[in-house]
Amino acid sequence: MTKPTLIRAESPRHARIIAIWLLIGCALVASTVVLGGVTRLTGSGLSMVDWEPVSGVVPPLNAESWEREFAAYRDFPEYRLLNEGMSLAEFKRIFWFEYAHRVLGRVIGLVFIVPFALFLWRRIIPRALIPRLLLIFALGGAQGLLGWWMVQSGLVDVPRVSPYRLTAHLALAVLVYALLLWTALTLLRPGVGRAEPGSSSDDGLRRWSAVVLGLAALTILSGGFVAGLDAGFVHNTFPKMGDDWIPPDLLAATPWWLNLFENRTTVQFDHRVLAMLLLASGTALWWVSGRRAGRVAGRWAHASFVAVWAQATLGVGTLLLFVPIPLAALHQTNALVLFTALLGLTFELRRR
């Protein structure tokens, strides 16, 4: 069996420096995801109707520039159909959420490219790591373009962004986050790659962990459709959906597959099912890996157990309380905590 190339820095100190840099990137990406969710929940995402990658960093600084920004917003459907009569003070409140979201995205770019250039100049980045870092940077740039493409979908006849584009935007953010975190762990915990063949039970545990990680990612993306369709505001009961276990409008759309992406009832139903599967499989994974894994993997397993039960509790609470913004934001934050714990566990179980 061919062994994969290991990514090793020239010294442990260099490895720690690069890993800390990447973990800072993880924290910023996670913050952007959560802020993006808050922007969506507050109805702020369409408040900036232009995309100016450079000049857009400077916000309105006087009354005249605020009036211009507000006038531009009034030309689009969201104002005419949803917010007619909004005051300038009310516009400023939604503007600042979207502005902060966009600026944070630019900050991530600077935090990545400036140290990257410095580390290249100092020659402390392992050569095998450079292509992966360039890929992450390219995906980060694509994320900005994808975000504007998403916003454009809400600047037409219907003042709501496409749930498909919103979920794609979320998926790319999760992918960048996962690449950053996995790479940082590779530097902090060298010697991890494809595990050497061991007992069939150990191989099964590794595969099981990867499946649960994938299920967590799928549940997060399902949450993207829930957010994009405002599906959290229908059937605000649990465990039943209204008076039914299986709601009668579950397959109301035709063709049938549109229900998976455009029927609010079906999208919420799917998210519930995925969440319950994740709760059961995550709990079982904790029970088995906690007894058979090593010390570090055991810690990741315990963290995932706490996070998966917290996530289920937060999800039910968010639903029953009709999606209060603080609770919904905490639900989204904990989704990344759970994803992090499961990724760390999967990483450690592959340790050679």
Protein backbone atom coordinates (compact mmCIF):
# COMPACT_ATOMS: atom_id res chain seq x y z
CA MET A 1 0.00 0.00 0.00
CA THR A 2 1.42 3.41 -1.04
CA LYS A 3 1.74 5.81 1.83
CA PRO A 4 0.50 9.39 1.32
CA THR A 5 2.95 12.27 1.40
CA LEU A 6 3.04 13.77 4.88
CA ILE A 7 3.01 17.52 5.33
CA ARG A 8 5.78 18.45 7.75
CA ALA A 9 7.29 21.82 8.57
CA GLU A 10 11.05 22.13 9.01
CA SER A 11 10.63 22.63 12.75
CA PRO A 12 7.85 22.21 15.32
CA ARG A 13 7.94 25.97 15.88
CA HIS A 14 7.21 26.65 12.21
CA ALA A 15 4.44 24.06 12.25
CA ARG A 16 2.80 25.76 15.23
CA ILE A 17 3.06 29.21 13.63
CA ILE A 18 1.38 28.03 10.42
CA ALA A 19 -1.23 26.06 12.34
CA ILE A 20 -2.14 29.04 14.53
CA TRP A 21 -2.49 31.18 11.41
CA LEU A 22 -4.85 28.61 9.88
CA LEU A 23 -6.86 28.31 13.11
CA ILE A 24 -7.30 32.08 13.15
CA GLY A 25 -8.65 31.69 9.63
CA CYS A 26 -11.04 29.00 10.91
CA ALA A 27 -12.33 31.35 13.61
CA LEU A 28 -12.87 34.14 11.08
CA VAL A 29 -14.67 31.85 8.63
CA ALA A 30 -16.89 30.55 11.43
CA SER A 31 -17.65 34.13 12.49
CA THR A 32 -18.58 35.00 8.93
CA VAL A 33 -20.94 32.05 8.69
CA VAL A 34 -22.69 33.02 11.93
CA LEU A 35 -22.84 36.69 10.96
CA GLY A 36 -24.25 35.67 7.60
CA GLY A 37 -26.99 33.77 9.40
CA VAL A 38 -27.81 36.79 11.55
CA THR A 39 -27.83 38.95 8.43
CA ARG A 40 -30.36 36.58 6.93
CA LEU A 41 -32.50 36.46 10.08
CA THR A 42 -32.62 40.25 10.38
CA GLY A 43 -33.56 40.71 6.72
CA SER A 44 -30.38 42.68 6.09
CA GLY A 45 -28.85 40.75 3.21
CA LEU A 46 -30.30 42.90 0.43
CA SER A 47 -29.58 46.28 2.01
CA MET A 48 -26.42 46.81 -0.08
CA VAL A 49 -27.41 46.68 -3.72
CA ASP A 50 -23.93 47.12 -5.24
CA TRP A 51 -20.79 45.05 -5.04
CA GLU A 52 -17.63 47.13 -4.86
CA PRO A 53 -14.76 44.92 -3.68
CA VAL A 54 -12.40 47.82 -2.97
CA SER A 55 -14.37 51.05 -2.50
CA GLY A 56 -17.14 49.14 -0.73
CA VAL A 57 -14.90 48.87 2.33
CA VAL A 58 -15.66 52.53 3.13
CA PRO A 59 -19.17 52.94 4.60
CA PRO A 60 -21.30 56.09 4.21
CA LEU A 61 -19.57 58.79 6.24
CA ASN A 62 -21.99 61.72 6.07
CA ALA A 63 -25.68 62.51 5.62
CA GLU A 64 -25.35 62.94 1.87
CA SER A 65 -23.72 59.54 1.30
CA TRP A 66 -26.32 57.87 3.54
CA GLU A 67 -29.11 59.41 1.48
CA ARG A 68 -27.51 58.13 -1.74
CA GLU A 69 -27.22 54.63 -0.29
CA PHE A 70 -30.82 54.70 0.91
CA ALA A 71 -32.06 56.03 -2.44
CA ALA A 72 -30.33 53.17 -4.24
CA TYR A 73 -32.00 50.68 -1.89
CA ARG A 74 -35.44 52.21 -2.53
CA ASP A 75 -35.09 51.42 -6.23
CA PHE A 76 -35.22 47.69 -5.59
CA PRO A 77 -38.13 45.31 -4.87
CA GLU A 78 -37.36 44.69 -1.19
CA TYR A 79 -38.16 48.29 -0.31
CA ARG A 80 -41.21 48.55 -2.57
CA LEU A 81 -42.75 45.21 -1.58
CA LEU A 82 -41.64 44.71 2.04
CA ASN A 83 -40.20 47.86 3.57
CA GLU A 84 -42.07 50.76 1.99
CA GLY A 85 -42.04 53.71 4.36
CA MET A 86 -38.85 52.55 6.12
CA SER A 87 -36.99 55.41 7.77
CA LEU A 88 -33.32 56.15 7.25
CA ALA A 89 -32.59 55.07 10.83
CA GLU A 90 -34.26 51.69 10.16
CA PHE A 91 -32.29 51.30 6.95
CA LYS A 92 -29.04 51.94 8.80
CA ARG A 93 -29.78 49.09 11.20
CA ILE A 94 -30.06 46.51 8.42
CA PHE A 95 -27.24 48.09 6.40
CA TRP A 96 -24.65 47.61 9.16
CA PHE A 97 -25.25 43.86 9.40
CA GLU A 98 -24.62 43.32 5.69
CA TYR A 99 -21.72 45.76 5.70
CA ALA A 100 -20.05 43.92 8.59
CA HIS A 101 -20.56 40.60 6.81
CA ARG A 102 -18.89 41.85 3.63
CA VAL A 103 -16.02 43.57 5.44
CA LEU A 104 -15.31 40.45 7.48
CA GLY A 105 -15.02 38.50 4.24
CA ARG A 106 -12.39 40.97 3.02
CA VAL A 107 -10.56 40.77 6.35
CA ILE A 108 -10.31 37.01 5.92
CA GLY A 109 -8.66 37.56 2.54
CA LEU A 110 -6.06 39.89 4.05
CA VAL A 111 -5.43 37.62 7.05
CA PHE A 112 -4.75 34.81 4.61
CA ILE A 113 -2.73 36.44 1.83
CA VAL A 114 -0.41 38.71 3.89
CA PRO A 115 0.98 35.98 6.21
CA PHE A 116 1.03 33.55 3.28
CA ALA A 117 3.30 35.88 1.32
CA LEU A 118 5.48 36.46 4.39
CA PHE A 119 5.77 32.72 5.11
CA LEU A 120 6.69 32.05 1.50
CA TRP A 121 9.38 34.72 1.66
CA ARG A 122 10.73 33.23 4.90
CA ARG A 123 10.47 29.73 3.38
CA ILE A 124 8.76 28.19 6.38
CA ILE A 125 5.80 26.67 4.51
CA PRO A 126 6.37 23.02 3.56
CA ARG A 127 6.47 22.68 -0.21
CA ALA A 128 3.78 19.97 -0.15
CA LEU A 129 1.43 22.40 1.61
CA ILE A 130 1.63 25.25 -0.92
CA PRO A 131 -0.84 23.79 -3.49
CA ARG A 132 -3.43 23.20 -0.78
CA LEU A 133 -3.08 26.75 0.55
CA LEU A 134 -3.43 28.15 -2.97
CA LEU A 135 -6.58 26.07 -3.39
CA ILE A 136 -8.01 27.45 -0.14
CA PHE A 137 -7.23 30.99 -1.28
CA ALA A 138 -8.93 30.38 -4.64
CA LEU A 139 -12.00 28.95 -2.91
CA GLY A 140 -12.09 32.01 -0.65
CA GLY A 141 -12.09 34.28 -3.68
CA ALA A 142 -14.83 32.20 -5.27
CA GLN A 143 -16.83 32.60 -2.06
CA GLY A 144 -16.94 36.36 -2.53
CA LEU A 145 -18.18 35.99 -6.10
CA LEU A 146 -20.72 33.38 -5.03
CA GLY A 147 -21.99 35.68 -2.28
CA TRP A 148 -22.66 38.50 -4.75
CA TRP A 149 -24.30 36.03 -7.17
CA MET A 150 -26.56 35.02 -4.28
CA VAL A 151 -27.47 38.63 -3.46
CA GLN A 152 -28.28 39.35 -7.11
CA SER A 153 -31.00 36.68 -7.02
CA GLY A 154 -32.89 38.82 -4.50
CA LEU A 155 -32.59 42.09 -6.40
CA VAL A 156 -35.09 41.12 -9.08
CA ASP A 157 -38.85 40.58 -8.91
CA VAL A 158 -38.98 38.59 -5.64
CA PRO A 159 -37.02 40.19 -2.76
CA ARG A 160 -35.57 36.95 -1.45
CA VAL A 161 -32.30 35.29 -2.33
CA SER A 162 -32.38 31.92 -4.06
CA PRO A 163 -32.23 29.09 -1.49
CA TYR A 164 -30.07 27.17 -3.98
CA ARG A 165 -27.50 29.97 -4.13
CA LEU A 166 -27.67 30.56 -0.38
CA THR A 167 -26.99 26.89 0.31
CA ALA A 168 -24.15 26.82 -2.22
CA HIS A 169 -22.66 29.86 -0.46
CA LEU A 170 -22.93 28.05 2.87
CA ALA A 171 -21.50 24.82 1.46
CA LEU A 172 -18.40 26.56 0.13
CA ALA A 173 -17.85 28.26 3.50
CA VAL A 174 -18.05 24.91 5.28
CA LEU A 175 -15.61 23.41 2.77
CA VAL A 176 -13.08 26.22 3.31
CA TYR A 177 -13.48 25.86 7.07
CA ALA A 178 -12.92 22.09 6.89
CA LEU A 179 -9.80 22.46 4.74
CA LEU A 180 -8.33 25.05 7.08
CA LEU A 181 -9.03 22.98 10.18
CA TRP A 182 -7.82 19.67 8.72
CA THR A 183 -4.60 21.30 7.51
CA ALA A 184 -3.97 22.90 10.91
CA LEU A 185 -4.49 19.57 12.65
CA THR A 186 -2.11 17.93 10.18
CA LEU A 187 0.60 20.36 11.28
CA LEU A 188 -0.17 20.11 14.99
CA ARG A 189 -0.56 16.33 14.96
CA PRO A 190 1.90 15.05 12.32
CA GLY A 191 1.74 11.48 11.17
CA VAL A 192 -1.94 11.49 10.28
CA GLY A 193 -3.02 10.39 6.87
CA ARG A 194 -4.62 7.26 5.58
CA ALA A 195 -4.38 4.84 8.47
CA GLU A 196 -2.51 1.61 8.05
CA PRO A 197 -4.82 -1.39 7.76
CA GLY A 198 -5.71 -2.63 11.22
CA SER A 199 -8.45 -4.74 12.65
CA SER A 200 -11.74 -4.76 10.80
CA SER A 201 -13.41 -3.14 13.83
CA ASP A 202 -10.92 -0.24 13.78
CA ASP A 203 -11.46 0.29 10.05
CA GLY A 204 -15.19 0.23 10.64
CA LEU A 205 -14.91 2.88 13.36
CA ARG A 206 -12.95 5.15 11.02
CA ARG A 207 -15.54 4.74 8.28
CA TRP A 208 -18.38 5.28 10.74
CA SER A 209 -16.82 8.49 11.97
CA ALA A 210 -16.44 9.76 8.40
CA VAL A 211 -20.09 8.91 7.67
CA VAL A 212 -21.29 10.81 10.76
CA LEU A 213 -19.13 13.78 9.74
CA GLY A 214 -20.71 13.68 6.29
CA LEU A 215 -24.16 13.48 7.86
CA ALA A 216 -23.37 16.57 9.94
CA ALA A 217 -22.32 18.46 6.80
CA LEU A 218 -25.51 17.35 5.01
CA THR A 219 -27.62 18.51 7.95
CA ILE A 220 -25.93 21.92 7.86
CA LEU A 221 -26.69 22.24 4.14
CA SER A 222 -30.28 21.17 4.81
CA GLY A 223 -30.38 24.04 7.28
CA GLY A 224 -29.38 26.32 4.42
CA PHE A 225 -32.58 25.43 2.58
CA VAL A 226 -34.56 25.87 5.80
CA ALA A 227 -33.14 29.39 6.11
CA GLY A 228 -33.55 30.20 2.41
CA LEU A 229 -37.23 29.24 2.42
CA ASP A 230 -38.05 30.50 5.94
CA ALA A 231 -39.14 26.94 6.62
CA GLY A 232 -38.54 27.36 10.33
CA PHE A 233 -41.77 29.38 10.54
CA VAL A 234 -44.06 26.52 9.50
CA HIS A 235 -45.17 23.63 11.73
CA ASN A 236 -43.73 25.08 14.93
CA THR A 237 -44.48 22.00 16.99
CA PHE A 238 -42.41 19.00 18.03
CA PRO A 239 -42.21 16.04 17.68
CA LYS A 240 -45.28 16.19 15.42
CA MET A 241 -45.64 18.69 12.59
CA GLY A 242 -48.91 20.26 13.57
CA ASP A 243 -51.31 17.40 14.30
CA ASP A 244 -49.51 14.90 12.08
CA TRP A 245 -46.36 12.82 12.14
CA ILE A 246 -46.36 12.97 8.33
CA PRO A 247 -47.87 16.28 7.18
CA PRO A 248 -50.38 16.01 4.31
CA ASP A 249 -48.60 18.61 2.16
CA LEU A 250 -45.27 16.78 2.34
CA LEU A 251 -45.32 16.00 -1.41
CA ALA A 252 -47.56 18.79 -2.62
CA ALA A 253 -45.19 20.08 -5.34
CA THR A 254 -44.74 18.49 -8.75
CA PRO A 255 -42.51 17.03 -9.99
CA TRP A 256 -41.89 15.23 -6.70
CA TRP A 257 -38.22 16.10 -6.39
CA LEU A 258 -39.00 19.83 -6.14
CA ASN A 259 -40.41 19.12 -2.69
CA LEU A 260 -36.88 18.40 -1.45
CA PHE A 261 -35.76 21.94 -2.25
CA GLU A 262 -38.80 24.22 -2.62
CA ASN A 263 -41.60 22.84 -0.43
CA ARG A 264 -41.20 24.46 3.01
CA THR A 265 -42.91 21.58 4.79
CA THR A 266 -40.72 18.96 3.12
CA VAL A 267 -37.54 20.95 3.69
CA GLN A 268 -38.30 21.25 7.41
CA PHE A 269 -39.29 17.56 7.58
CA ASP A 270 -36.02 16.52 5.94
CA HIS A 271 -34.03 18.70 8.32
CA ARG A 272 -35.78 17.10 11.30
CA VAL A 273 -35.08 13.59 10.01
CA LEU A 274 -31.43 14.36 9.33
CA ALA A 275 -31.06 15.95 12.77
CA MET A 276 -32.53 12.91 14.51
CA LEU A 277 -30.30 10.57 12.50
CA LEU A 278 -27.30 12.70 13.43
CA LEU A 279 -28.29 12.64 17.10
CA ALA A 280 -28.61 8.84 17.13
CA SER A 281 -25.49 8.10 15.07
CA GLY A 282 -23.41 10.72 16.90
CA THR A 283 -24.40 9.29 20.27
CA ALA A 284 -23.57 5.75 19.15
CA LEU A 285 -20.23 6.92 17.75
CA TRP A 286 -19.39 8.54 21.09
CA TRP A 287 -20.28 5.35 22.98
CA VAL A 288 -18.09 3.12 20.80
CA SER A 289 -15.14 5.45 20.17
CA GLY A 290 -15.02 6.57 23.79
CA ARG A 291 -14.24 2.98 24.78
CA ARG A 292 -11.84 2.07 21.95
CA ALA A 293 -10.15 5.27 20.79
CA GLY A 294 -7.06 6.94 22.22
CA ARG A 295 -7.00 9.80 24.68
CA VAL A 296 -7.11 12.66 22.17
CA ALA A 297 -9.75 10.97 20.02
CA GLY A 298 -11.75 10.32 23.18
CA ARG A 299 -11.77 14.02 23.97
CA TRP A 300 -13.06 14.82 20.50
CA ALA A 301 -15.71 12.12 20.96
CA HIS A 302 -16.87 13.62 24.28
CA ALA A 303 -17.02 17.07 22.69
CA SER A 304 -19.10 15.75 19.79
CA PHE A 305 -21.49 14.04 22.22
CA VAL A 306 -22.12 17.27 24.14
CA ALA A 307 -22.42 19.27 20.93
CA VAL A 308 -24.86 16.91 19.20
CA TRP A 309 -27.25 16.91 22.16
CA ALA A 310 -26.92 20.68 22.55
CA GLN A 311 -27.65 21.05 18.85
CA ALA A 312 -30.83 18.97 19.06
CA THR A 313 -32.00 20.96 22.07
CA LEU A 314 -31.26 24.30 20.40
CA GLY A 315 -32.98 23.19 17.21
CA VAL A 316 -36.19 22.18 18.97
CA GLY A 317 -36.14 25.36 21.06
CA THR A 318 -35.63 27.53 17.97
CA LEU A 319 -38.57 25.84 16.26
CA LEU A 320 -40.99 26.01 19.20
CA LEU A 321 -40.19 29.68 19.89
CA PHE A 322 -40.68 30.71 16.23
CA VAL A 323 -37.02 31.32 15.42
CA PRO A 324 -35.85 34.03 17.83
CA ILE A 325 -32.68 35.54 16.40
CA PRO A 326 -30.33 34.93 19.40
CA LEU A 327 -31.38 31.28 19.70
CA ALA A 328 -31.21 30.70 15.94
CA ALA A 329 -27.71 32.24 15.83
CA LEU A 330 -26.63 30.00 18.72
CA HIS A 331 -28.05 26.99 16.87
CA GLN A 332 -25.97 27.87 13.81
CA THR A 333 -22.86 28.48 15.91
CA ASN A 334 -23.18 25.13 17.64
CA ALA A 335 -23.58 23.43 14.27
CA LEU A 336 -20.00 24.48 13.52
CA VAL A 337 -18.89 23.36 16.99
CA LEU A 338 -20.37 19.92 16.33
CA PHE A 339 -18.82 19.78 12.85
CA THR A 340 -15.44 20.73 14.35
CA ALA A 341 -15.62 18.01 17.00
CA LEU A 342 -16.59 15.35 14.47
CA LEU A 343 -13.86 16.46 12.07
CA GLY A 344 -11.30 16.32 14.88
CA LEU A 345 -12.49 12.84 15.86
CA THR A 346 -12.35 11.63 12.26
CA PHE A 347 -8.85 13.07 11.95
CA GLU A 348 -7.56 11.36 15.08
CA LEU A 349 -9.05 7.99 14.17
CA ARG A 350 -7.00 8.10 10.96
CA ARG A 351 -3.79 8.67 12.93
CA ARG A 352 -1.05 6.21 12.10
